[in-house]
Structure formats: C-alpha cells, structure tokens
Amino acid sequence: MGLITGLLTLPLAPVHGVVWVADQLYGAADRELNDPGVLRAQLAALNQEFEDGQLSAEEFEREEERLLDRLHDSGGAGHGRLADSSQVTEAQREPEDEEAETDDGHAEDEKD
C-alpha cells in the first residue's frame, strides 16, 4: 500500500517541498518578529531616536505602544530590561509632568 501511495503522490512531491519551505520561512520570521531580545533592542533604539530628537512625542508613544504590545504578546514581558525600558519612558515623560506642574503653579498664582 505504501509503494502505490508513494507512486501516485510522486507528482505532488514538489508541492510538498514548497509547502515545507514556506512553513520553515514562516516559523523563522515569526521567531524573529516576536523574539523578546529583538523587541527590547527595538525599544532601546526607539528611546535613543526620541532622545536625539528624531521622533516627536506622538510618534514615540505610538511606536512604543506597538512594540510593548508585541513584547507582551510574545510572552517576554516582565523580564529584566523591560522594566528598565519602562523607567526610561517615565523619565522621558517628566517634562510633560513638569508642564502640568507649571500650569498648576500659574493657577495658584492667579488665585492669590
């Protein structure tokens, strides 16, 4: 039975090979896109671009959210460097908080 099945499906062998290669490519791409180490490196590069002034705050927030979602989905959340990345983000948000404090200060001066 195996010999007959093998002979009958022989013309489909190239198709099986192409499907196998496609599966291998998909697996490699999926591992690379969802690798926590790669995502953390992308977050670090994004932070550096923001600090260098190459990205606006809006672009930074959007890209950071996308990368953090991918990191969370990949199961890499909660490991060492992610916490460091969050702390950097908090430090970068301080100027916005200072503006809010300045606005509060002006409001208090107007009340006096």
PDB file of N, CA and C in Angstrom:
ATOM      1  N   MET A   1       0.828  -1.190   0.000  1.00  0.00           N
ATOM      2  CA  MET A   1       0.000   0.000   0.000  1.00  0.00           C
ATOM      3  C   MET A   1       0.872   1.252   0.000  1.00  0.00           C
ATOM      4  N   GLY A   2       1.949   1.306   0.783  1.00  0.00           N
ATOM      5  CA  GLY A   2       2.815   2.469   0.828  1.00  0.00           C
ATOM      6  C   GLY A   2       3.502   2.736  -0.494  1.00  0.00           C
ATOM      7  N   LEU A   3       3.856   1.688  -1.211  1.00  0.00           N
ATOM      8  CA  LEU A   3       4.517   1.836  -2.505  1.00  0.00           C
ATOM      9  C   LEU A   3       3.570   2.449  -3.531  1.00  0.00           C
ATOM     10  N   ILE A   4       2.336   1.981  -3.555  1.00  0.00           N
ATOM     11  CA  ILE A   4       1.348   2.502  -4.509  1.00  0.00           C
ATOM     12  C   ILE A   4       1.030   3.959  -4.178  1.00  0.00           C
ATOM     13  N   THR A   5       0.832   4.267  -2.894  1.00  0.00           N
ATOM     14  CA  THR A   5       0.552   5.645  -2.487  1.00  0.00           C
ATOM     15  C   THR A   5       1.721   6.555  -2.848  1.00  0.00           C
ATOM     16  N   GLY A   6       2.939   6.063  -2.627  1.00  0.00           N
ATOM     17  CA  GLY A   6       4.130   6.838  -2.964  1.00  0.00           C
ATOM     18  C   GLY A   6       4.220   7.123  -4.447  1.00  0.00           C
ATOM     19  N   LEU A   7       3.909   6.136  -5.274  1.00  0.00           N
ATOM     20  CA  LEU A   7       3.953   6.324  -6.723  1.00  0.00           C
ATOM     21  C   LEU A   7       2.850   7.260  -7.212  1.00  0.00           C
ATOM     22  N   LEU A   8       1.680   7.164  -6.614  1.00  0.00           N
ATOM     23  CA  LEU A   8       0.566   8.010  -7.040  1.00  0.00           C
ATOM     24  C   LEU A   8       0.757   9.471  -6.613  1.00  0.00           C
ATOM     25  N   THR A   9       1.396   9.677  -5.488  1.00  0.00           N
ATOM     26  CA  THR A   9       1.591  11.055  -5.000  1.00  0.00           C
ATOM     27  C   THR A   9       2.938  11.633  -5.411  1.00  0.00           C
ATOM     28  N   LEU A  10       3.731  10.898  -6.160  1.00  0.00           N
ATOM     29  CA  LEU A  10       5.034  11.378  -6.603  1.00  0.00           C
ATOM     30  C   LEU A  10       4.961  12.701  -7.370  1.00  0.00           C
ATOM     31  N   PRO A  11       3.975  12.889  -8.248  1.00  0.00           N
ATOM     32  CA  PRO A  11       3.901  14.189  -8.939  1.00  0.00           C
ATOM     33  C   PRO A  11       3.665  15.369  -7.985  1.00  0.00           C
ATOM     34  N   LEU A  12       3.178  15.103  -6.788  1.00  0.00           N
ATOM     35  CA  LEU A  12       2.923  16.178  -5.820  1.00  0.00           C
ATOM     36  C   LEU A  12       4.138  16.487  -4.949  1.00  0.00           C
ATOM     37  N   ALA A  13       5.228  15.771  -5.124  1.00  0.00           N
ATOM     38  CA  ALA A  13       6.416  15.963  -4.292  1.00  0.00           C
ATOM     39  C   ALA A  13       6.930  17.403  -4.328  1.00  0.00           C
ATOM     40  N   PRO A  14       6.994  18.059  -5.491  1.00  0.00           N
ATOM     41  CA  PRO A  14       7.447  19.465  -5.477  1.00  0.00           C
ATOM     42  C   PRO A  14       6.539  20.375  -4.652  1.00  0.00           C
ATOM     43  N   VAL A  15       5.250  20.104  -4.684  1.00  0.00           N
ATOM     44  CA  VAL A  15       4.306  20.906  -3.901  1.00  0.00           C
ATOM     45  C   VAL A  15       4.577  20.715  -2.408  1.00  0.00           C
ATOM     46  N   HIS A  16       4.813  19.494  -2.010  1.00  0.00           N
ATOM     47  CA  HIS A  16       5.118  19.218  -0.602  1.00  0.00           C
ATOM     48  C   HIS A  16       6.414  19.919  -0.183  1.00  0.00           C
ATOM     49  N   GLY A  17       7.373  19.951  -1.075  1.00  0.00           N
ATOM     50  CA  GLY A  17       8.634  20.642  -0.789  1.00  0.00           C
ATOM     51  C   GLY A  17       8.437  22.141  -0.619  1.00  0.00           C
ATOM     52  N   VAL A  18       7.626  22.739  -1.494  1.00  0.00           N
ATOM     53  CA  VAL A  18       7.356  24.172  -1.412  1.00  0.00           C
ATOM     54  C   VAL A  18       6.607  24.500  -0.125  1.00  0.00           C
ATOM     55  N   VAL A  19       5.645  23.655   0.237  1.00  0.00           N
ATOM     56  CA  VAL A  19       4.891  23.871   1.478  1.00  0.00           C
ATOM     57  C   VAL A  19       5.826  23.779   2.679  1.00  0.00           C
ATOM     58  N   TRP A  20       6.755  22.805   2.670  1.00  0.00           N
ATOM     59  CA  TRP A  20       7.700  22.660   3.775  1.00  0.00           C
ATOM     60  C   TRP A  20       8.589  23.899   3.893  1.00  0.00           C
ATOM     61  N   VAL A  21       9.097  24.396   2.752  1.00  0.00           N
ATOM     62  CA  VAL A  21       9.944  25.594   2.767  1.00  0.00           C
ATOM     63  C   VAL A  21       9.158  26.795   3.273  1.00  0.00           C
ATOM     64  N   ALA A  22       7.904  26.923   2.836  1.00  0.00           N
ATOM     65  CA  ALA A  22       7.070  28.042   3.293  1.00  0.00           C
ATOM     66  C   ALA A  22       6.854  27.963   4.803  1.00  0.00           C
ATOM     67  N   ASP A  23       6.616  26.770   5.320  1.00  0.00           N
ATOM     68  CA  ASP A  23       6.450  26.605   6.771  1.00  0.00           C
ATOM     69  C   ASP A  23       7.724  26.981   7.523  1.00  0.00           C
ATOM     70  N   GLN A  24       8.863  26.594   6.987  1.00  0.00           N
ATOM     71  CA  GLN A  24      10.136  26.937   7.625  1.00  0.00           C
ATOM     72  C   GLN A  24      10.362  28.447   7.631  1.00  0.00           C
ATOM     73  N   LEU A  25      10.068  29.106   6.514  1.00  0.00           N
ATOM     74  CA  LEU A  25      10.219  30.563   6.430  1.00  0.00           C
ATOM     75  C   LEU A  25       9.270  31.276   7.394  1.00  0.00           C
ATOM     76  N   TYR A  26       8.039  30.798   7.460  1.00  0.00           N
ATOM     77  CA  TYR A  26       7.069  31.393   8.370  1.00  0.00           C
ATOM     78  C   TYR A  26       7.535  31.261   9.824  1.00  0.00           C
ATOM     79  N   GLY A  27       8.017  30.091  10.189  1.00  0.00           N
ATOM     80  CA  GLY A  27       8.494  29.868  11.557  1.00  0.00           C
ATOM     81  C   GLY A  27       9.672  30.762  11.903  1.00  0.00           C
ATOM     82  N   ALA A  28      10.618  30.897  10.956  1.00  0.00           N
ATOM     83  CA  ALA A  28      11.788  31.747  11.205  1.00  0.00           C
ATOM     84  C   ALA A  28      11.384  33.219  11.332  1.00  0.00           C
ATOM     85  N   ALA A  29      10.498  33.666  10.458  1.00  0.00           N
ATOM     86  CA  ALA A  29      10.047  35.062  10.512  1.00  0.00           C
ATOM     87  C   ALA A  29       9.274  35.324  11.801  1.00  0.00           C
ATOM     88  N   ASP A  30       8.436  34.400  12.200  1.00  0.00           N
ATOM     89  CA  ASP A  30       7.670  34.556  13.426  1.00  0.00           C
ATOM     90  C   ASP A  30       8.581  34.630  14.646  1.00  0.00           C
ATOM     91  N   ARG A  31       9.598  33.769  14.690  1.00  0.00           N
ATOM     92  CA  ARG A  31      10.545  33.803  15.818  1.00  0.00           C
ATOM     93  C   ARG A  31      11.297  35.126  15.847  1.00  0.00           C
ATOM     94  N   GLU A  32      11.696  35.617  14.681  1.00  0.00           N
ATOM     95  CA  GLU A  32      12.459  36.863  14.638  1.00  0.00           C
ATOM     96  C   GLU A  32      11.600  38.065  15.011  1.00  0.00           C
ATOM     97  N   LEU A  33      10.373  38.095  14.537  1.00  0.00           N
ATOM     98  CA  LEU A  33       9.491  39.228  14.835  1.00  0.00           C
ATOM     99  C   LEU A  33       9.061  39.260  16.298  1.00  0.00           C
ATOM    100  N   ASN A  34       8.935  38.104  16.908  1.00  0.00           N
ATOM    101  CA  ASN A  34       8.417  38.040  18.274  1.00  0.00           C
ATOM    102  C   ASN A  34       9.474  37.696  19.308  1.00  0.00           C
ATOM    103  N   ASP A  35      10.737  37.739  18.944  1.00  0.00           N
ATOM    104  CA  ASP A  35      11.818  37.459  19.883  1.00  0.00           C
ATOM    105  C   ASP A  35      11.923  38.614  20.884  1.00  0.00           C
ATOM    106  N   PRO A  36      11.772  38.342  22.182  1.00  0.00           N
ATOM    107  CA  PRO A  36      11.831  39.418  23.176  1.00  0.00           C
ATOM    108  C   PRO A  36      13.135  40.219  23.119  1.00  0.00           C
ATOM    109  N   GLY A  37      14.243  39.568  22.819  1.00  0.00           N
ATOM    110  CA  GLY A  37      15.516  40.282  22.730  1.00  0.00           C
ATOM    111  C   GLY A  37      15.523  41.296  21.595  1.00  0.00           C
ATOM    112  N   VAL A  38      14.968  40.902  20.447  1.00  0.00           N
ATOM    113  CA  VAL A  38      14.886  41.812  19.298  1.00  0.00           C
ATOM    114  C   VAL A  38      13.943  42.971  19.619  1.00  0.00           C
ATOM    115  N   LEU A  39      12.813  42.669  20.250  1.00  0.00           N
ATOM    116  CA  LEU A  39      11.849  43.720  20.590  1.00  0.00           C
ATOM    117  C   LEU A  39      12.439  44.710  21.596  1.00  0.00           C
ATOM    118  N   ARG A  40      13.200  44.201  22.560  1.00  0.00           N
ATOM    119  CA  ARG A  40      13.842  45.103  23.535  1.00  0.00           C
ATOM    120  C   ARG A  40      14.884  45.986  22.857  1.00  0.00           C
ATOM    121  N   ALA A  41      15.616  45.419  21.898  1.00  0.00           N
ATOM    122  CA  ALA A  41      16.600  46.211  21.156  1.00  0.00           C
ATOM    123  C   ALA A  41      15.897  47.293  20.341  1.00  0.00           C
ATOM    124  N   GLN A  42      14.748  46.971  19.768  1.00  0.00           N
ATOM    125  CA  GLN A  42      13.984  47.966  19.016  1.00  0.00           C
ATOM    126  C   GLN A  42      13.466  49.064  19.945  1.00  0.00           C
ATOM    127  N   LEU A  43      13.061  48.682  21.164  1.00  0.00           N
ATOM    128  CA  LEU A  43      12.628  49.685  22.146  1.00  0.00           C
ATOM    129  C   LEU A  43      13.785  50.608  22.529  1.00  0.00           C
ATOM    130  N   ALA A  44      14.958  50.029  22.723  1.00  0.00           N
ATOM    131  CA  ALA A  44      16.134  50.834  23.073  1.00  0.00           C
ATOM    132  C   ALA A  44      16.471  51.792  21.937  1.00  0.00           C
ATOM    133  N   ALA A  45      16.413  51.320  20.700  1.00  0.00           N
ATOM    134  CA  ALA A  45      16.694  52.181  19.543  1.00  0.00           C
ATOM    135  C   ALA A  45      15.645  53.280  19.432  1.00  0.00           C
ATOM    136  N   LEU A  46      14.392  52.938  19.705  1.00  0.00           N
ATOM    137  CA  LEU A  46      13.314  53.930  19.669  1.00  0.00           C
ATOM    138  C   LEU A  46      13.546  55.009  20.726  1.00  0.00           C
ATOM    139  N   ASN A  47      13.931  54.603  21.939  1.00  0.00           N
ATOM    140  CA  ASN A  47      14.227  55.562  23.005  1.00  0.00           C
ATOM    141  C   ASN A  47      15.379  56.483  22.608  1.00  0.00           C
ATOM    142  N   GLN A  48      16.401  55.915  21.986  1.00  0.00           N
ATOM    143  CA  GLN A  48      17.553  56.714  21.564  1.00  0.00           C
ATOM    144  C   GLN A  48      17.150  57.724  20.496  1.00  0.00           C
ATOM    145  N   GLU A  49      16.333  57.302  19.527  1.00  0.00           N
ATOM    146  CA  GLU A  49      15.869  58.216  18.491  1.00  0.00           C
ATOM    147  C   GLU A  49      15.049  59.355  19.094  1.00  0.00           C
ATOM    148  N   PHE A  50      14.229  59.028  20.099  1.00  0.00           N
ATOM    149  CA  PHE A  50      13.422  60.058  20.749  1.00  0.00           C
ATOM    150  C   PHE A  50      14.310  61.045  21.506  1.00  0.00           C
ATOM    151  N   GLU A  51      15.298  60.524  22.224  1.00  0.00           N
ATOM    152  CA  GLU A  51      16.216  61.387  22.970  1.00  0.00           C
ATOM    153  C   GLU A  51      17.031  62.281  22.038  1.00  0.00           C
ATOM    154  N   ASP A  52      17.357  61.762  20.845  1.00  0.00           N
ATOM    155  CA  ASP A  52      18.125  62.539  19.865  1.00  0.00           C
ATOM    156  C   ASP A  52      17.250  63.546  19.121  1.00  0.00           C
ATOM    157  N   GLY A  53      15.950  63.510  19.351  1.00  0.00           N
ATOM    158  CA  GLY A  53      15.051  64.455  18.714  1.00  0.00           C
ATOM    159  C   GLY A  53      14.621  64.053  17.310  1.00  0.00           C
ATOM    160  N   GLN A  54      14.839  62.799  16.940  1.00  0.00           N
ATOM    161  CA  GLN A  54      14.460  62.338  15.615  1.00  0.00           C
ATOM    162  C   GLN A  54      12.987  61.961  15.531  1.00  0.00           C
ATOM    163  N   LEU A  55      12.335  61.771  16.682  1.00  0.00           N
ATOM    164  CA  LEU A  55      10.923  61.404  16.735  1.00  0.00           C
ATOM    165  C   LEU A  55      10.160  62.413  17.584  1.00  0.00           C
ATOM    166  N   SER A  56       8.934  62.688  17.182  1.00  0.00           N
ATOM    167  CA  SER A  56       8.079  63.531  18.018  1.00  0.00           C
ATOM    168  C   SER A  56       7.530  62.667  19.155  1.00  0.00           C
ATOM    169  N   ALA A  57       6.974  63.302  20.156  1.00  0.00           N
ATOM    170  CA  ALA A  57       6.420  62.570  21.297  1.00  0.00           C
ATOM    171  C   ALA A  57       5.279  61.665  20.847  1.00  0.00           C
ATOM    172  N   GLU A  58       4.473  62.141  19.911  1.00  0.00           N
ATOM    173  CA  GLU A  58       3.345  61.347  19.413  1.00  0.00           C
ATOM    174  C   GLU A  58       3.826  60.096  18.677  1.00  0.00           C
ATOM    175  N   GLU A  59       4.816  60.255  17.815  1.00  0.00           N
ATOM    176  CA  GLU A  59       5.373  59.103  17.095  1.00  0.00           C
ATOM    177  C   GLU A  59       6.001  58.110  18.066  1.00  0.00           C
ATOM    178  N   PHE A  60       6.719  58.647  19.039  1.00  0.00           N
ATOM    179  CA  PHE A  60       7.359  57.798  20.037  1.00  0.00           C
ATOM    180  C   PHE A  60       6.328  56.982  20.802  1.00  0.00           C
ATOM    181  N   GLU A  61       5.272  57.628  21.266  1.00  0.00           N
ATOM    182  CA  GLU A  61       4.228  56.944  22.034  1.00  0.00           C
ATOM    183  C   GLU A  61       3.579  55.846  21.200  1.00  0.00           C
ATOM    184  N   ARG A  62       3.273  56.157  19.951  1.00  0.00           N
ATOM    185  CA  ARG A  62       2.613  55.190  19.080  1.00  0.00           C
ATOM    186  C   ARG A  62       3.498  53.957  18.847  1.00  0.00           C
ATOM    187  N   GLU A  63       4.761  54.190  18.505  1.00  0.00           N
ATOM    188  CA  GLU A  63       5.679  53.080  18.241  1.00  0.00           C
ATOM    189  C   GLU A  63       5.990  52.293  19.517  1.00  0.00           C
ATOM    190  N   GLU A  64       6.142  53.005  20.627  1.00  0.00           N
ATOM    191  CA  GLU A  64       6.417  52.325  21.891  1.00  0.00           C
ATOM    192  C   GLU A  64       5.254  51.414  22.266  1.00  0.00           C
ATOM    193  N   GLU A  65       4.041  51.904  22.105  1.00  0.00           N
ATOM    194  CA  GLU A  65       2.858  51.097  22.426  1.00  0.00           C
ATOM    195  C   GLU A  65       2.800  49.851  21.543  1.00  0.00           C
ATOM    196  N   ARG A  66       3.105  50.010  20.258  1.00  0.00           N
ATOM    197  CA  ARG A  66       3.096  48.879  19.335  1.00  0.00           C
ATOM    198  C   ARG A  66       4.142  47.833  19.751  1.00  0.00           C
ATOM    199  N   LEU A  67       5.348  48.299  20.064  1.00  0.00           N
ATOM    200  CA  LEU A  67       6.412  47.372  20.461  1.00  0.00           C
ATOM    201  C   LEU A  67       6.107  46.706  21.802  1.00  0.00           C
ATOM    202  N   LEU A  68       5.584  47.454  22.748  1.00  0.00           N
ATOM    203  CA  LEU A  68       5.245  46.868  24.048  1.00  0.00           C
ATOM    204  C   LEU A  68       4.126  45.844  23.918  1.00  0.00           C
ATOM    205  N   ASP A  69       3.152  46.114  23.038  1.00  0.00           N
ATOM    206  CA  ASP A  69       2.092  45.134  22.801  1.00  0.00           C
ATOM    207  C   ASP A  69       2.669  43.850  22.217  1.00  0.00           C
ATOM    208  N   ARG A  70       3.572  44.003  21.245  1.00  0.00           N
ATOM    209  CA  ARG A  70       4.202  42.816  20.651  1.00  0.00           C
ATOM    210  C   ARG A  70       5.029  42.069  21.686  1.00  0.00           C
ATOM    211  N   LEU A  71       5.738  42.795  22.541  1.00  0.00           N
ATOM    212  CA  LEU A  71       6.545  42.164  23.580  1.00  0.00           C
ATOM    213  C   LEU A  71       5.662  41.414  24.566  1.00  0.00           C
ATOM    214  N   HIS A  72       4.557  42.038  24.938  1.00  0.00           N
ATOM    215  CA  HIS A  72       3.624  41.392  25.863  1.00  0.00           C
ATOM    216  C   HIS A  72       3.025  40.142  25.227  1.00  0.00           C
ATOM    217  N   ASP A  73       2.636  40.230  23.948  1.00  0.00           N
ATOM    218  CA  ASP A  73       2.052  39.088  23.245  1.00  0.00           C
ATOM    219  C   ASP A  73       3.036  37.945  23.078  1.00  0.00           C
ATOM    220  N   SER A  74       4.332  38.279  22.966  1.00  0.00           N
ATOM    221  CA  SER A  74       5.337  37.238  22.763  1.00  0.00           C
ATOM    222  C   SER A  74       5.691  36.521  24.067  1.00  0.00           C
ATOM    223  N   GLY A  75       5.198  37.031  25.183  1.00  0.00           N
ATOM    224  CA  GLY A  75       5.497  36.404  26.464  1.00  0.00           C
ATOM    225  C   GLY A  75       6.791  36.898  27.067  1.00  0.00           C
ATOM    226  N   GLY A  76       7.384  37.936  26.508  1.00  0.00           N
ATOM    227  CA  GLY A  76       8.648  38.453  27.013  1.00  0.00           C
ATOM    228  C   GLY A  76       8.476  39.544  28.041  1.00  0.00           C
ATOM    229  N   ALA A  77       7.251  39.851  28.403  1.00  0.00           N
ATOM    230  CA  ALA A  77       7.014  40.918  29.375  1.00  0.00           C
ATOM    231  C   ALA A  77       7.458  40.461  30.757  1.00  0.00           C
ATOM    232  N   GLY A  78       7.969  41.410  31.516  1.00  0.00           N
ATOM    233  CA  GLY A  78       8.340  41.123  32.896  1.00  0.00           C
ATOM    234  C   GLY A  78       9.758  40.646  33.073  1.00  0.00           C
ATOM    235  N   HIS A  79      10.540  40.593  32.021  1.00  0.00           N
ATOM    236  CA  HIS A  79      11.933  40.198  32.148  1.00  0.00           C
ATOM    237  C   HIS A  79      12.794  41.443  32.249  1.00  0.00           C
ATOM    238  N   GLY A  80      13.846  41.350  32.976  1.00  0.00           N
ATOM    239  CA  GLY A  80      14.832  42.372  33.282  1.00  0.00           C
ATOM    240  C   GLY A  80      14.767  43.683  32.545  1.00  0.00           C
ATOM    241  N   ARG A  81      15.123  43.733  31.291  1.00  0.00           N
ATOM    242  CA  ARG A  81      15.325  45.002  30.609  1.00  0.00           C
ATOM    243  C   ARG A  81      14.026  45.721  30.312  1.00  0.00           C
ATOM    244  N   LEU A  82      12.881  45.019  30.299  1.00  0.00           N
ATOM    245  CA  LEU A  82      11.622  45.694  30.051  1.00  0.00           C
ATOM    246  C   LEU A  82      11.353  46.713  31.152  1.00  0.00           C
ATOM    247  N   ALA A  83      11.642  46.364  32.374  1.00  0.00           N
ATOM    248  CA  ALA A  83      11.454  47.293  33.477  1.00  0.00           C
ATOM    249  C   ALA A  83      12.334  48.520  33.283  1.00  0.00           C
ATOM    250  N   ASP A  84      13.576  48.321  32.813  1.00  0.00           N
ATOM    251  CA  ASP A  84      14.452  49.448  32.548  1.00  0.00           C
ATOM    252  C   ASP A  84      13.873  50.340  31.469  1.00  0.00           C
ATOM    253  N   SER A  85      13.290  49.740  30.431  1.00  0.00           N
ATOM    254  CA  SER A  85      12.690  50.495  29.338  1.00  0.00           C
ATOM    255  C   SER A  85      11.528  51.333  29.862  1.00  0.00           C
ATOM    256  N   SER A  86      10.718  50.756  30.754  1.00  0.00           N
ATOM    257  CA  SER A  86       9.599  51.495  31.326  1.00  0.00           C
ATOM    258  C   SER A  86      10.095  52.668  32.149  1.00  0.00           C
ATOM    259  N   GLN A  87      11.193  52.488  32.867  1.00  0.00           N
ATOM    260  CA  GLN A  87      11.731  53.568  33.675  1.00  0.00           C
ATOM    261  C   GLN A  87      12.237  54.699  32.790  1.00  0.00           C
ATOM    262  N   VAL A  88      12.843  54.365  31.675  1.00  0.00           N
ATOM    263  CA  VAL A  88      13.306  55.394  30.742  1.00  0.00           C
ATOM    264  C   VAL A  88      12.114  56.158  30.208  1.00  0.00           C
ATOM    265  N   THR A  89      11.039  55.437  29.900  1.00  0.00           N
ATOM    266  CA  THR A  89       9.845  56.083  29.387  1.00  0.00           C
ATOM    267  C   THR A  89       9.278  57.044  30.423  1.00  0.00           C
ATOM    268  N   GLU A  90       9.245  56.627  31.678  1.00  0.00           N
ATOM    269  CA  GLU A  90       8.762  57.502  32.736  1.00  0.00           C
ATOM    270  C   GLU A  90       9.630  58.750  32.838  1.00  0.00           C
ATOM    271  N   ALA A  91      10.943  58.589  32.709  1.00  0.00           N
ATOM    272  CA  ALA A  91      11.850  59.729  32.786  1.00  0.00           C
ATOM    273  C   ALA A  91      11.616  60.679  31.621  1.00  0.00           C
ATOM    274  N   GLN A  92      11.288  60.137  30.463  1.00  0.00           N
ATOM    275  CA  GLN A  92      11.042  60.982  29.306  1.00  0.00           C
ATOM    276  C   GLN A  92       9.716  61.706  29.429  1.00  0.00           C
ATOM    277  N   ARG A  93       8.804  61.159  30.189  1.00  0.00           N
ATOM    278  CA  ARG A  93       7.503  61.808  30.365  1.00  0.00           C
ATOM    279  C   ARG A  93       7.550  62.907  31.424  1.00  0.00           C
ATOM    280  N   GLU A  94       8.640  63.016  32.172  1.00  0.00           N
ATOM    281  CA  GLU A  94       8.744  64.028  33.215  1.00  0.00           C
ATOM    282  C   GLU A  94       8.554  65.445  32.691  1.00  0.00           C
ATOM    283  N   PRO A  95       9.104  65.814  31.514  1.00  0.00           N
ATOM    284  CA  PRO A  95       8.863  67.181  31.049  1.00  0.00           C
ATOM    285  C   PRO A  95       7.383  67.492  30.888  1.00  0.00           C
ATOM    286  N   GLU A  96       6.581  66.519  30.442  1.00  0.00           N
ATOM    287  CA  GLU A  96       5.149  66.737  30.335  1.00  0.00           C
ATOM    288  C   GLU A  96       4.561  66.980  31.721  1.00  0.00           C
ATOM    289  N   ASP A  97       5.010  66.190  32.722  1.00  0.00           N
ATOM    290  CA  ASP A  97       4.530  66.363  34.085  1.00  0.00           C
ATOM    291  C   ASP A  97       4.946  67.722  34.626  1.00  0.00           C
ATOM    292  N   GLU A  98       6.159  68.182  34.283  1.00  0.00           N
ATOM    293  CA  GLU A  98       6.622  69.487  34.745  1.00  0.00           C
ATOM    294  C   GLU A  98       5.756  70.603  34.170  1.00  0.00           C
ATOM    295  N   GLU A  99       5.310  70.415  32.900  1.00  0.00           N
ATOM    296  CA  GLU A  99       4.426  71.411  32.309  1.00  0.00           C
ATOM    297  C   GLU A  99       3.123  71.463  33.077  1.00  0.00           C
ATOM    298  N   ALA A 100       2.619  70.286  33.476  1.00  0.00           N
ATOM    299  CA  ALA A 100       1.381  70.242  34.244  1.00  0.00           C
ATOM    300  C   ALA A 100       1.576  70.940  35.587  1.00  0.00           C
ATOM    301  N   GLU A 101       2.728  70.720  36.212  1.00  0.00           N
ATOM    302  CA  GLU A 101       3.008  71.376  37.480  1.00  0.00           C
ATOM    303  C   GLU A 101       3.114  72.885  37.281  1.00  0.00           C
ATOM    304  N   THR A 102       3.713  73.297  36.159  1.00  0.00           N
ATOM    305  CA  THR A 102       3.821  74.726  35.867  1.00  0.00           C
ATOM    306  C   THR A 102       2.438  75.326  35.712  1.00  0.00           C
ATOM    307  N   ASP A 103       1.541  74.598  34.998  1.00  0.00           N
ATOM    308  CA  ASP A 103       0.177  75.081  34.834  1.00  0.00           C
ATOM    309  C   ASP A 103      -0.509  75.187  36.188  1.00  0.00           C
ATOM    310  N   ASP A 104      -0.283  74.220  37.075  1.00  0.00           N
ATOM    311  CA  ASP A 104      -0.869  74.275  38.410  1.00  0.00           C
ATOM    312  C   ASP A 104      -0.318  75.479  39.165  1.00  0.00           C
ATOM    313  N   GLY A 105       0.970  75.746  39.003  1.00  0.00           N
ATOM    314  CA  GLY A 105       1.595  76.879  39.673  1.00  0.00           C
ATOM    315  C   GLY A 105       0.992  78.197  39.211  1.00  0.00           C
ATOM    316  N   HIS A 106       0.723  78.320  37.918  1.00  0.00           N
ATOM    317  CA  HIS A 106       0.120  79.531  37.403  1.00  0.00           C
ATOM    318  C   HIS A 106      -1.306  79.690  37.928  1.00  0.00           C
ATOM    319  N   ALA A 107      -1.988  78.583  38.025  1.00  0.00           N
ATOM    320  CA  ALA A 107      -3.365  78.626  38.520  1.00  0.00           C
ATOM    321  C   ALA A 107      -3.358  79.107  39.969  1.00  0.00           C
ATOM    322  N   GLU A 108      -2.378  78.651  40.759  1.00  0.00           N
ATOM    323  CA  GLU A 108      -2.320  79.078  42.139  1.00  0.00           C
ATOM    324  C   GLU A 108      -1.973  80.549  42.250  1.00  0.00           C
ATOM    325  N   ASP A 109      -1.081  81.046  41.349  1.00  0.00           N
ATOM    326  CA  ASP A 109      -0.720  82.470  41.370  1.00  0.00           C
ATOM    327  C   ASP A 109      -1.926  83.321  41.018  1.00  0.00           C
ATOM    328  N   GLU A 110      -2.750  82.824  40.088  1.00  0.00           N
ATOM    329  CA  GLU A 110      -3.928  83.608  39.705  1.00  0.00           C
ATOM    330  C   GLU A 110      -4.924  83.675  40.842  1.00  0.00           C
ATOM    331  N   LYS A 111      -5.007  82.619  41.661  1.00  0.00           N
ATOM    332  CA  LYS A 111      -5.940  82.607  42.790  1.00  0.00           C
ATOM    333  C   LYS A 111      -5.490  83.560  43.872  1.00  0.00           C
ATOM    334  N   ASP A 112      -4.167  83.759  44.025  1.00  0.00           N
ATOM    335  CA  ASP A 112      -3.653  84.627  45.102  1.00  0.00           C
ATOM    336  C   ASP A 112      -3.872  86.040  44.832  1.00  0.00           C
TER     337      ASP A 112
END
